[in-house]
Amino acid sequence: MSNNSNPLEWMRRLPTWILGAIAFVTAVVSFVNLLLGNFPLGITILGILIFASLLFTFIYLSFSTTQSVVLPGRRIYRFGQYRSWTIAGIVLVVLILAILLALKPVRVIIVTAFVGTPTPTPTLTLTPPPVPRSTPSPTPPVTHTSTPTLAEKVIATSTPTSTPTATPTSTGTPTATFTPTSTPTPTIDCIPSDLSELPPQSIAIIESLESGEKSQVAFSTLRYEHGSRLTLASGIAIDFKKMKSFELSNPGFTTDFAADIVITFLDCTTYSDRIQSWSHSLLTGETELGPLSLHILKVKRVDFQW
């Protein structure tokens, strides 16, 4: 009989433990990468593993048998004293699964995880800013160039300069990667500001979609998903300090959990896109009455004042 406390025996088993540890760490790292790269797929796979493990464990505990010691040739339930509880566990797991599958948002997340949904193509309002005309003079002619708008600068620093490339989705259908090349246009009812960024003492007026109530939030405390910028469906991340306002419309509470968004910059140029949301996509900040936390799809409009 081998002695497991023997150092030689322990050393013989060490490589197997190391391989097991490496396999475990690799599995954890792979799942974390999957969760960060595709949140719906990661959550769906985790849920399937949890419910499958519980279901098969309860089934094993309920129906596993062994040879009876008292009555030779007869088999009895191995865990008979716990069988009523394990059968109740089977019923409970099946009931929870049925309830979850009956909820449309859960079904949408599962379908999105395995099938994928088309990413809407962001649109830009087209019309370049006016170019000043040169007046004749005896001096040599001067070439006039238009100053890039704030929206153009933000887009230029937030997106690649390469042409759109096709990337396969989970359905196998290529989807074009968005690269904005157009010039945003100034809005008519907006007064441009000379500021390039909002000052720290600014405030944000957040209007709720459901109640229509407006809340005044200190700009220095305004956060979206614990950051100070909005990440849009096209991949562009725009900082709050560059914005004059932004407005959301057509929220998909039961479809794609996204909304159309129009961002107005400090120089009154605008940019249109889509914004995707998750359960943690919260717009938060501090008001005079206390902390504010509002899901991005329940936000109608945000105006910045300074």
C-alpha atoms as a PDB file:
ATOM      1  CA  MET A   1       0.000   0.000   0.000  1.00  0.00           C
ATOM      2  CA  SER A   2       1.402   3.381  -0.975  1.00  0.00           C
ATOM      3  CA  ASN A   3       1.673   6.138   1.577  1.00  0.00           C
ATOM      4  CA  ASN A   4       0.413   9.483   0.248  1.00  0.00           C
ATOM      5  CA  SER A   5       2.379  11.309   2.969  1.00  0.00           C
ATOM      6  CA  ASN A   6       5.652   9.886   1.603  1.00  0.00           C
ATOM      7  CA  PRO A   7       7.648  12.745  -0.019  1.00  0.00           C
ATOM      8  CA  LEU A   8       8.540  10.569  -3.022  1.00  0.00           C
ATOM      9  CA  GLU A   9       4.879   9.718  -3.612  1.00  0.00           C
ATOM     10  CA  TRP A  10       3.964  13.386  -3.280  1.00  0.00           C
ATOM     11  CA  MET A  11       6.636  14.328  -5.846  1.00  0.00           C
ATOM     12  CA  ARG A  12       5.323  11.711  -8.276  1.00  0.00           C
ATOM     13  CA  ARG A  13       1.870  13.294  -8.053  1.00  0.00           C
ATOM     14  CA  LEU A  14       3.154  16.880  -8.357  1.00  0.00           C
ATOM     15  CA  PRO A  15       3.292  17.052 -12.195  1.00  0.00           C
ATOM     16  CA  THR A  16      -0.365  15.981 -12.423  1.00  0.00           C
ATOM     17  CA  TRP A  17      -1.369  18.712  -9.996  1.00  0.00           C
ATOM     18  CA  ILE A  18       0.617  21.263 -11.952  1.00  0.00           C
ATOM     19  CA  LEU A  19      -1.086  20.215 -15.192  1.00  0.00           C
ATOM     20  CA  GLY A  20      -4.454  20.405 -13.471  1.00  0.00           C
ATOM     21  CA  ALA A  21      -3.667  23.896 -12.140  1.00  0.00           C
ATOM     22  CA  ILE A  22      -2.537  25.055 -15.586  1.00  0.00           C
ATOM     23  CA  ALA A  23      -5.715  23.675 -17.170  1.00  0.00           C
ATOM     24  CA  PHE A  24      -7.885  25.396 -14.549  1.00  0.00           C
ATOM     25  CA  VAL A  25      -6.129  28.771 -14.923  1.00  0.00           C
ATOM     26  CA  THR A  26      -6.317  28.492 -18.723  1.00  0.00           C
ATOM     27  CA  ALA A  27     -10.057  27.798 -18.559  1.00  0.00           C
ATOM     28  CA  VAL A  28     -10.635  30.780 -16.245  1.00  0.00           C
ATOM     29  CA  VAL A  29      -8.575  33.137 -18.436  1.00  0.00           C
ATOM     30  CA  SER A  30     -10.357  31.919 -21.584  1.00  0.00           C
ATOM     31  CA  PHE A  31     -13.769  32.502 -20.007  1.00  0.00           C
ATOM     32  CA  VAL A  32     -12.789  36.003 -18.832  1.00  0.00           C
ATOM     33  CA  ASN A  33     -11.611  36.847 -22.369  1.00  0.00           C
ATOM     34  CA  LEU A  34     -14.879  35.505 -23.757  1.00  0.00           C
ATOM     35  CA  LEU A  35     -16.881  37.550 -21.245  1.00  0.00           C
ATOM     36  CA  LEU A  36     -15.004  40.748 -22.105  1.00  0.00           C
ATOM     37  CA  GLY A  37     -15.207  40.176 -25.852  1.00  0.00           C
ATOM     38  CA  ASN A  38     -18.822  38.967 -26.046  1.00  0.00           C
ATOM     39  CA  PHE A  39     -20.762  39.698 -22.862  1.00  0.00           C
ATOM     40  CA  PRO A  40     -24.100  38.065 -23.938  1.00  0.00           C
ATOM     41  CA  LEU A  41     -22.343  34.859 -25.062  1.00  0.00           C
ATOM     42  CA  GLY A  42     -20.286  34.661 -21.867  1.00  0.00           C
ATOM     43  CA  ILE A  43     -23.301  35.151 -19.608  1.00  0.00           C
ATOM     44  CA  THR A  44     -25.355  32.644 -21.624  1.00  0.00           C
ATOM     45  CA  ILE A  45     -22.662  29.941 -21.437  1.00  0.00           C
ATOM     46  CA  LEU A  46     -22.181  30.568 -17.704  1.00  0.00           C
ATOM     47  CA  GLY A  47     -25.934  30.242 -17.114  1.00  0.00           C
ATOM     48  CA  ILE A  48     -26.103  27.005 -19.128  1.00  0.00           C
ATOM     49  CA  LEU A  49     -23.191  25.511 -17.177  1.00  0.00           C
ATOM     50  CA  ILE A  50     -24.709  26.458 -13.812  1.00  0.00           C
ATOM     51  CA  PHE A  51     -28.192  25.094 -14.563  1.00  0.00           C
ATOM     52  CA  ALA A  52     -26.840  21.961 -16.282  1.00  0.00           C
ATOM     53  CA  SER A  53     -24.568  21.225 -13.311  1.00  0.00           C
ATOM     54  CA  LEU A  54     -27.406  21.670 -10.814  1.00  0.00           C
ATOM     55  CA  LEU A  55     -29.823  19.573 -12.866  1.00  0.00           C
ATOM     56  CA  PHE A  56     -27.436  16.646 -13.413  1.00  0.00           C
ATOM     57  CA  THR A  57     -26.309  16.743  -9.767  1.00  0.00           C
ATOM     58  CA  PHE A  58     -29.905  16.524  -8.515  1.00  0.00           C
ATOM     59  CA  ILE A  59     -30.678  13.741 -11.036  1.00  0.00           C
ATOM     60  CA  TYR A  60     -27.644  11.742  -9.852  1.00  0.00           C
ATOM     61  CA  LEU A  61     -28.519  12.185  -6.176  1.00  0.00           C
ATOM     62  CA  SER A  62     -32.151  11.203  -6.845  1.00  0.00           C
ATOM     63  CA  PHE A  63     -31.657   8.073  -8.963  1.00  0.00           C
ATOM     64  CA  SER A  64     -28.204   6.726  -8.077  1.00  0.00           C
ATOM     65  CA  THR A  65     -28.474   3.161  -6.688  1.00  0.00           C
ATOM     66  CA  THR A  66     -26.193   0.699  -4.927  1.00  0.00           C
ATOM     67  CA  GLN A  67     -26.262  -2.985  -3.934  1.00  0.00           C
ATOM     68  CA  SER A  68     -28.194  -3.639  -0.727  1.00  0.00           C
ATOM     69  CA  VAL A  69     -26.162  -5.158   2.109  1.00  0.00           C
ATOM     70  CA  VAL A  70     -29.205  -6.485   3.972  1.00  0.00           C
ATOM     71  CA  LEU A  71     -31.067  -7.929   0.956  1.00  0.00           C
ATOM     72  CA  PRO A  72     -28.615  -9.558  -1.476  1.00  0.00           C
ATOM     73  CA  GLY A  73     -29.517  -9.063  -5.147  1.00  0.00           C
ATOM     74  CA  ARG A  74     -31.614  -5.998  -4.469  1.00  0.00           C
ATOM     75  CA  ARG A  75     -30.566  -2.454  -5.317  1.00  0.00           C
ATOM     76  CA  ILE A  76     -31.513   0.532  -3.202  1.00  0.00           C
ATOM     77  CA  TYR A  77     -31.180   4.284  -3.642  1.00  0.00           C
ATOM     78  CA  ARG A  78     -27.713   5.446  -2.625  1.00  0.00           C
ATOM     79  CA  PHE A  79     -28.970   8.730  -1.130  1.00  0.00           C
ATOM     80  CA  GLY A  80     -32.474   7.681  -0.164  1.00  0.00           C
ATOM     81  CA  GLN A  81     -32.629   9.917   2.909  1.00  0.00           C
ATOM     82  CA  TYR A  82     -32.154  13.019   0.691  1.00  0.00           C
ATOM     83  CA  ARG A  83     -34.259  11.871  -2.282  1.00  0.00           C
ATOM     84  CA  SER A  84     -37.294  14.048  -1.530  1.00  0.00           C
ATOM     85  CA  TRP A  85     -35.073  17.131  -1.417  1.00  0.00           C
ATOM     86  CA  THR A  86     -33.185  16.299  -4.609  1.00  0.00           C
ATOM     87  CA  ILE A  87     -36.416  15.634  -6.546  1.00  0.00           C
ATOM     88  CA  ALA A  88     -37.703  18.989  -5.318  1.00  0.00           C
ATOM     89  CA  GLY A  89     -34.429  20.490  -6.578  1.00  0.00           C
ATOM     90  CA  ILE A  90     -35.044  19.006 -10.055  1.00  0.00           C
ATOM     91  CA  VAL A  91     -38.527  20.526 -10.154  1.00  0.00           C
ATOM     92  CA  LEU A  92     -37.219  23.883  -8.932  1.00  0.00           C
ATOM     93  CA  VAL A  93     -34.425  24.046 -11.564  1.00  0.00           C
ATOM     94  CA  VAL A  94     -36.845  23.153 -14.381  1.00  0.00           C
ATOM     95  CA  LEU A  95     -39.346  25.742 -13.108  1.00  0.00           C
ATOM     96  CA  ILE A  96     -36.703  28.507 -12.982  1.00  0.00           C
ATOM     97  CA  LEU A  97     -35.557  27.618 -16.514  1.00  0.00           C
ATOM     98  CA  ALA A  98     -39.139  27.791 -17.789  1.00  0.00           C
ATOM     99  CA  ILE A  99     -39.683  31.201 -16.158  1.00  0.00           C
ATOM    100  CA  LEU A 100     -36.442  32.595 -17.587  1.00  0.00           C
ATOM    101  CA  LEU A 101     -37.191  31.336 -21.092  1.00  0.00           C
ATOM    102  CA  ALA A 102     -40.662  32.884 -20.874  1.00  0.00           C
ATOM    103  CA  LEU A 103     -39.095  36.337 -20.435  1.00  0.00           C
ATOM    104  CA  LYS A 104     -38.512  38.038 -23.780  1.00  0.00           C
ATOM    105  CA  PRO A 105     -35.355  39.959 -22.731  1.00  0.00           C
ATOM    106  CA  VAL A 106     -33.709  36.669 -21.724  1.00  0.00           C
ATOM    107  CA  ARG A 107     -34.615  35.107 -25.068  1.00  0.00           C
ATOM    108  CA  VAL A 108     -33.221  38.158 -26.869  1.00  0.00           C
ATOM    109  CA  ILE A 109     -29.907  37.861 -24.992  1.00  0.00           C
ATOM    110  CA  ILE A 110     -29.650  34.138 -25.851  1.00  0.00           C
ATOM    111  CA  VAL A 111     -30.445  34.738 -29.520  1.00  0.00           C
ATOM    112  CA  THR A 112     -27.988  37.653 -29.635  1.00  0.00           C
ATOM    113  CA  ALA A 113     -25.282  35.479 -28.060  1.00  0.00           C
ATOM    114  CA  PHE A 114     -25.517  32.605 -30.562  1.00  0.00           C
ATOM    115  CA  VAL A 115     -26.984  34.247 -33.677  1.00  0.00           C
ATOM    116  CA  GLY A 116     -25.921  37.870 -33.400  1.00  0.00           C
ATOM    117  CA  THR A 117     -27.770  41.012 -34.396  1.00  0.00           C
ATOM    118  CA  PRO A 118     -26.839  43.400 -37.180  1.00  0.00           C
ATOM    119  CA  THR A 119     -25.092  46.542 -35.977  1.00  0.00           C
ATOM    120  CA  PRO A 120     -26.951  49.600 -37.328  1.00  0.00           C
ATOM    121  CA  THR A 121     -24.886  51.823 -39.601  1.00  0.00           C
ATOM    122  CA  PRO A 122     -24.276  55.178 -37.929  1.00  0.00           C
ATOM    123  CA  THR A 123     -25.195  58.226 -40.011  1.00  0.00           C
ATOM    124  CA  LEU A 124     -23.634  61.645 -40.240  1.00  0.00           C
ATOM    125  CA  THR A 125     -25.437  64.838 -41.189  1.00  0.00           C
ATOM    126  CA  LEU A 126     -23.700  66.060 -44.313  1.00  0.00           C
ATOM    127  CA  THR A 127     -22.881  69.717 -45.111  1.00  0.00           C
ATOM    128  CA  PRO A 128     -19.379  71.105 -44.773  1.00  0.00           C
ATOM    129  CA  PRO A 129     -18.929  74.446 -43.027  1.00  0.00           C
ATOM    130  CA  PRO A 130     -18.769  77.453 -45.369  1.00  0.00           C
ATOM    131  CA  VAL A 131     -15.381  78.375 -46.818  1.00  0.00           C
ATOM    132  CA  PRO A 132     -14.620  82.124 -46.764  1.00  0.00           C
ATOM    133  CA  ARG A 133     -14.078  83.786 -50.137  1.00  0.00           C
ATOM    134  CA  SER A 134     -10.879  85.578 -50.928  1.00  0.00           C
ATOM    135  CA  THR A 135     -11.129  89.230 -52.055  1.00  0.00           C
ATOM    136  CA  PRO A 136      -8.944  90.597 -54.879  1.00  0.00           C
ATOM    137  CA  SER A 137      -5.952  92.625 -53.739  1.00  0.00           C
ATOM    138  CA  PRO A 138      -2.645  93.719 -55.187  1.00  0.00           C
ATOM    139  CA  THR A 139      -0.901  91.351 -52.841  1.00  0.00           C
ATOM    140  CA  PRO A 140      -0.304  87.718 -53.845  1.00  0.00           C
ATOM    141  CA  PRO A 141      -3.434  85.580 -53.468  1.00  0.00           C
ATOM    142  CA  VAL A 142      -3.866  83.792 -50.164  1.00  0.00           C
ATOM    143  CA  THR A 143      -5.205  80.226 -50.067  1.00  0.00           C
ATOM    144  CA  HIS A 144      -8.086  79.925 -47.584  1.00  0.00           C
ATOM    145  CA  THR A 145      -8.606  76.668 -45.723  1.00  0.00           C
ATOM    146  CA  SER A 146     -11.574  75.762 -43.531  1.00  0.00           C
ATOM    147  CA  THR A 147     -10.925  75.129 -39.843  1.00  0.00           C
ATOM    148  CA  PRO A 148     -11.819  71.566 -38.797  1.00  0.00           C
ATOM    149  CA  THR A 149     -14.922  71.413 -36.651  1.00  0.00           C
ATOM    150  CA  LEU A 150     -14.853  69.958 -33.143  1.00  0.00           C
ATOM    151  CA  ALA A 151     -16.855  66.946 -34.363  1.00  0.00           C
ATOM    152  CA  GLU A 152     -14.296  66.294 -37.117  1.00  0.00           C
ATOM    153  CA  LYS A 153     -11.442  66.464 -34.590  1.00  0.00           C
ATOM    154  CA  VAL A 154     -13.187  64.058 -32.191  1.00  0.00           C
ATOM    155  CA  ILE A 155     -14.053  61.590 -34.970  1.00  0.00           C
ATOM    156  CA  ALA A 156     -10.542  61.825 -36.456  1.00  0.00           C
ATOM    157  CA  THR A 157      -8.943  60.951 -33.117  1.00  0.00           C
ATOM    158  CA  SER A 158     -11.476  58.227 -32.280  1.00  0.00           C
ATOM    159  CA  THR A 159     -11.634  56.192 -35.505  1.00  0.00           C
ATOM    160  CA  PRO A 160      -9.098  54.446 -37.765  1.00  0.00           C
ATOM    161  CA  THR A 161      -8.183  56.075 -41.102  1.00  0.00           C
ATOM    162  CA  SER A 162      -8.359  52.827 -43.048  1.00  0.00           C
ATOM    163  CA  THR A 163     -11.214  51.938 -45.330  1.00  0.00           C
ATOM    164  CA  PRO A 164     -14.107  49.779 -44.041  1.00  0.00           C
ATOM    165  CA  THR A 165     -13.292  46.092 -43.674  1.00  0.00           C
ATOM    166  CA  ALA A 166     -15.648  43.141 -43.554  1.00  0.00           C
ATOM    167  CA  THR A 167     -15.672  41.215 -40.306  1.00  0.00           C
ATOM    168  CA  PRO A 168     -17.593  37.947 -39.888  1.00  0.00           C
ATOM    169  CA  THR A 169     -20.374  37.803 -37.312  1.00  0.00           C
ATOM    170  CA  SER A 170     -21.574  34.743 -35.400  1.00  0.00           C
ATOM    171  CA  THR A 171     -23.941  33.999 -38.312  1.00  0.00           C
ATOM    172  CA  GLY A 172     -21.081  33.948 -40.779  1.00  0.00           C
ATOM    173  CA  THR A 173     -22.372  37.052 -42.613  1.00  0.00           C
ATOM    174  CA  PRO A 174     -19.693  39.746 -43.032  1.00  0.00           C
ATOM    175  CA  THR A 175     -20.493  43.123 -41.485  1.00  0.00           C
ATOM    176  CA  ALA A 176     -18.711  46.280 -42.660  1.00  0.00           C
ATOM    177  CA  THR A 177     -16.681  48.130 -40.031  1.00  0.00           C
ATOM    178  CA  PHE A 178     -17.817  51.772 -39.886  1.00  0.00           C
ATOM    179  CA  THR A 179     -15.321  54.521 -40.725  1.00  0.00           C
ATOM    180  CA  PRO A 180     -16.899  57.990 -40.801  1.00  0.00           C
ATOM    181  CA  THR A 181     -15.556  60.179 -43.626  1.00  0.00           C
ATOM    182  CA  SER A 182     -18.226  62.883 -43.850  1.00  0.00           C
ATOM    183  CA  THR A 183     -18.336  66.339 -42.303  1.00  0.00           C
ATOM    184  CA  PRO A 184     -20.905  67.030 -39.549  1.00  0.00           C
ATOM    185  CA  THR A 185     -23.049  70.113 -39.969  1.00  0.00           C
ATOM    186  CA  PRO A 186     -23.834  72.942 -37.535  1.00  0.00           C
ATOM    187  CA  THR A 187     -27.412  73.081 -36.284  1.00  0.00           C
ATOM    188  CA  ILE A 188     -29.585  76.128 -36.926  1.00  0.00           C
ATOM    189  CA  ASP A 189     -30.898  76.757 -33.392  1.00  0.00           C
ATOM    190  CA  CYS A 190     -27.543  76.443 -31.632  1.00  0.00           C
ATOM    191  CA  ILE A 191     -25.121  79.184 -30.590  1.00  0.00           C
ATOM    192  CA  PRO A 192     -21.495  77.994 -30.989  1.00  0.00           C
ATOM    193  CA  SER A 193     -19.186  78.296 -28.021  1.00  0.00           C
ATOM    194  CA  ASP A 194     -15.570  79.441 -28.052  1.00  0.00           C
ATOM    195  CA  LEU A 195     -14.707  76.742 -25.543  1.00  0.00           C
ATOM    196  CA  SER A 196     -12.854  73.613 -26.648  1.00  0.00           C
ATOM    197  CA  GLU A 197     -13.799  71.741 -23.451  1.00  0.00           C
ATOM    198  CA  LEU A 198     -16.381  72.171 -20.701  1.00  0.00           C
ATOM    199  CA  PRO A 199     -15.014  73.736 -17.496  1.00  0.00           C
ATOM    200  CA  PRO A 200     -15.037  71.590 -14.325  1.00  0.00           C
ATOM    201  CA  GLN A 201     -17.729  73.748 -12.660  1.00  0.00           C
ATOM    202  CA  SER A 202     -20.263  72.921 -15.410  1.00  0.00           C
ATOM    203  CA  ILE A 203     -23.545  71.143 -14.710  1.00  0.00           C
ATOM    204  CA  ALA A 204     -25.511  68.502 -16.606  1.00  0.00           C
ATOM    205  CA  ILE A 205     -29.313  68.729 -16.933  1.00  0.00           C
ATOM    206  CA  ILE A 206     -30.570  65.130 -17.321  1.00  0.00           C
ATOM    207  CA  GLU A 207     -34.142  64.661 -18.588  1.00  0.00           C
ATOM    208  CA  SER A 208     -35.843  61.338 -17.828  1.00  0.00           C
ATOM    209  CA  LEU A 209     -37.642  59.560 -20.666  1.00  0.00           C
ATOM    210  CA  GLU A 210     -40.376  58.074 -18.463  1.00  0.00           C
ATOM    211  CA  SER A 211     -41.265  60.954 -16.124  1.00  0.00           C
ATOM    212  CA  GLY A 212     -39.924  63.933 -18.054  1.00  0.00           C
ATOM    213  CA  GLU A 213     -38.323  65.237 -14.852  1.00  0.00           C
ATOM    214  CA  LYS A 214     -35.026  67.089 -15.124  1.00  0.00           C
ATOM    215  CA  SER A 215     -32.190  66.568 -12.651  1.00  0.00           C
ATOM    216  CA  GLN A 216     -29.207  68.869 -12.206  1.00  0.00           C
ATOM    217  CA  VAL A 217     -25.950  66.935 -11.799  1.00  0.00           C
ATOM    218  CA  ALA A 218     -22.491  68.301 -11.066  1.00  0.00           C
ATOM    219  CA  PHE A 219     -20.400  67.785 -14.207  1.00  0.00           C
ATOM    220  CA  SER A 220     -17.371  66.579 -12.225  1.00  0.00           C
ATOM    221  CA  THR A 221     -19.444  63.659 -10.857  1.00  0.00           C
ATOM    222  CA  LEU A 222     -21.143  62.641 -14.141  1.00  0.00           C
ATOM    223  CA  ARG A 223     -20.232  59.072 -15.136  1.00  0.00           C
ATOM    224  CA  TYR A 224     -21.399  56.509 -17.708  1.00  0.00           C
ATOM    225  CA  GLU A 225     -20.424  52.903 -16.949  1.00  0.00           C
ATOM    226  CA  HIS A 226     -17.925  54.365 -14.410  1.00  0.00           C
ATOM    227  CA  GLY A 227     -16.256  56.470 -17.149  1.00  0.00           C
ATOM    228  CA  SER A 228     -16.475  60.038 -18.443  1.00  0.00           C
ATOM    229  CA  ARG A 229     -17.309  59.219 -22.058  1.00  0.00           C
ATOM    230  CA  LEU A 230     -19.950  57.548 -24.237  1.00  0.00           C
ATOM    231  CA  THR A 231     -18.874  54.515 -26.276  1.00  0.00           C
ATOM    232  CA  LEU A 232     -21.046  54.277 -29.388  1.00  0.00           C
ATOM    233  CA  ALA A 233     -21.991  51.371 -31.655  1.00  0.00           C
ATOM    234  CA  SER A 234     -19.476  52.486 -34.296  1.00  0.00           C
ATOM    235  CA  GLY A 235     -16.652  52.121 -31.758  1.00  0.00           C
ATOM    236  CA  ILE A 236     -16.173  55.869 -31.250  1.00  0.00           C
ATOM    237  CA  ALA A 237     -15.760  57.019 -27.632  1.00  0.00           C
ATOM    238  CA  ILE A 238     -16.675  60.692 -27.091  1.00  0.00           C
ATOM    239  CA  ASP A 239     -15.859  62.520 -23.853  1.00  0.00           C
ATOM    240  CA  PHE A 240     -18.558  64.504 -22.043  1.00  0.00           C
ATOM    241  CA  LYS A 241     -16.310  67.579 -21.924  1.00  0.00           C
ATOM    242  CA  LYS A 242     -16.573  67.911 -25.733  1.00  0.00           C
ATOM    243  CA  MET A 243     -20.396  67.954 -25.752  1.00  0.00           C
ATOM    244  CA  LYS A 244     -22.974  70.709 -25.630  1.00  0.00           C
ATOM    245  CA  SER A 245     -25.811  68.164 -25.404  1.00  0.00           C
ATOM    246  CA  PHE A 246     -26.915  64.691 -26.509  1.00  0.00           C
ATOM    247  CA  GLU A 247     -30.361  63.252 -27.154  1.00  0.00           C
ATOM    248  CA  LEU A 248     -31.583  59.651 -27.392  1.00  0.00           C
ATOM    249  CA  SER A 249     -34.546  58.287 -29.340  1.00  0.00           C
ATOM    250  CA  ASN A 250     -36.132  54.981 -30.410  1.00  0.00           C
ATOM    251  CA  PRO A 251     -34.911  52.930 -27.411  1.00  0.00           C
ATOM    252  CA  GLY A 252     -35.188  49.162 -27.953  1.00  0.00           C
ATOM    253  CA  PHE A 253     -36.204  47.866 -24.529  1.00  0.00           C
ATOM    254  CA  THR A 254     -37.281  44.443 -25.872  1.00  0.00           C
ATOM    255  CA  THR A 255     -35.309  44.134 -29.118  1.00  0.00           C
ATOM    256  CA  ASP A 256     -31.640  45.116 -29.388  1.00  0.00           C
ATOM    257  CA  PHE A 257     -31.319  47.157 -26.141  1.00  0.00           C
ATOM    258  CA  ALA A 258     -29.931  50.091 -28.132  1.00  0.00           C
ATOM    259  CA  ALA A 259     -31.049  53.612 -29.020  1.00  0.00           C
ATOM    260  CA  ASP A 260     -30.366  56.299 -31.619  1.00  0.00           C
ATOM    261  CA  ILE A 261     -28.224  59.142 -30.311  1.00  0.00           C
ATOM    262  CA  VAL A 262     -27.457  62.624 -31.653  1.00  0.00           C
ATOM    263  CA  ILE A 263     -24.508  64.422 -30.033  1.00  0.00           C
ATOM    264  CA  THR A 264     -24.158  68.204 -30.368  1.00  0.00           C
ATOM    265  CA  PHE A 265     -20.630  69.483 -29.828  1.00  0.00           C
ATOM    266  CA  LEU A 266     -19.586  72.833 -28.356  1.00  0.00           C
ATOM    267  CA  ASP A 267     -19.206  74.365 -31.836  1.00  0.00           C
ATOM    268  CA  CYS A 268     -22.782  73.207 -32.665  1.00  0.00           C
ATOM    269  CA  THR A 269     -21.751  70.472 -35.102  1.00  0.00           C
ATOM    270  CA  THR A 270     -23.671  67.217 -34.627  1.00  0.00           C
ATOM    271  CA  TYR A 271     -22.944  63.519 -34.890  1.00  0.00           C
ATOM    272  CA  SER A 272     -25.538  60.713 -35.158  1.00  0.00           C
ATOM    273  CA  ASP A 273     -24.919  57.118 -34.119  1.00  0.00           C
ATOM    274  CA  ARG A 274     -26.363  54.229 -32.058  1.00  0.00           C
ATOM    275  CA  ILE A 275     -25.524  53.378 -28.455  1.00  0.00           C
ATOM    276  CA  GLN A 276     -25.670  49.788 -27.177  1.00  0.00           C
ATOM    277  CA  SER A 277     -26.634  49.148 -23.566  1.00  0.00           C
ATOM    278  CA  TRP A 278     -26.217  46.407 -20.973  1.00  0.00           C
ATOM    279  CA  SER A 279     -27.497  45.977 -17.444  1.00  0.00           C
ATOM    280  CA  HIS A 280     -24.587  48.075 -16.111  1.00  0.00           C
ATOM    281  CA  SER A 281     -25.039  50.924 -18.652  1.00  0.00           C
ATOM    282  CA  LEU A 282     -25.974  53.517 -16.044  1.00  0.00           C
ATOM    283  CA  LEU A 283     -25.677  57.302 -16.173  1.00  0.00           C
ATOM    284  CA  THR A 284     -24.786  58.387 -12.643  1.00  0.00           C
ATOM    285  CA  GLY A 285     -23.943  61.592 -10.808  1.00  0.00           C
ATOM    286  CA  GLU A 286     -24.465  63.656  -7.685  1.00  0.00           C
ATOM    287  CA  THR A 287     -27.415  66.041  -7.320  1.00  0.00           C
ATOM    288  CA  GLU A 288     -28.252  68.434  -4.496  1.00  0.00           C
ATOM    289  CA  LEU A 289     -30.680  65.824  -3.100  1.00  0.00           C
ATOM    290  CA  GLY A 290     -28.329  62.849  -3.407  1.00  0.00           C
ATOM    291  CA  PRO A 291     -26.933  60.381  -5.935  1.00  0.00           C
ATOM    292  CA  LEU A 292     -28.671  59.845  -9.297  1.00  0.00           C
ATOM    293  CA  SER A 293     -28.572  56.550 -11.224  1.00  0.00           C
ATOM    294  CA  LEU A 294     -30.487  56.194 -14.504  1.00  0.00           C
ATOM    295  CA  HIS A 295     -30.213  53.527 -17.200  1.00  0.00           C
ATOM    296  CA  ILE A 296     -29.053  55.044 -20.485  1.00  0.00           C
ATOM    297  CA  LEU A 297     -32.175  53.844 -22.360  1.00  0.00           C
ATOM    298  CA  LYS A 298     -34.328  55.773 -19.857  1.00  0.00           C
ATOM    299  CA  VAL A 299     -32.519  59.030 -20.602  1.00  0.00           C
ATOM    300  CA  LYS A 300     -34.210  61.368 -23.079  1.00  0.00           C
ATOM    301  CA  ARG A 301     -31.768  64.269 -23.226  1.00  0.00           C
ATOM    302  CA  VAL A 302     -28.742  65.746 -21.456  1.00  0.00           C
ATOM    303  CA  ASP A 303     -27.808  69.429 -21.730  1.00  0.00           C
ATOM    304  CA  PHE A 304     -24.548  70.840 -20.414  1.00  0.00           C
ATOM    305  CA  GLN A 305     -24.409  74.351 -18.955  1.00  0.00           C
ATOM    306  CA  TRP A 306     -21.460  76.361 -17.707  1.00  0.00           C
END
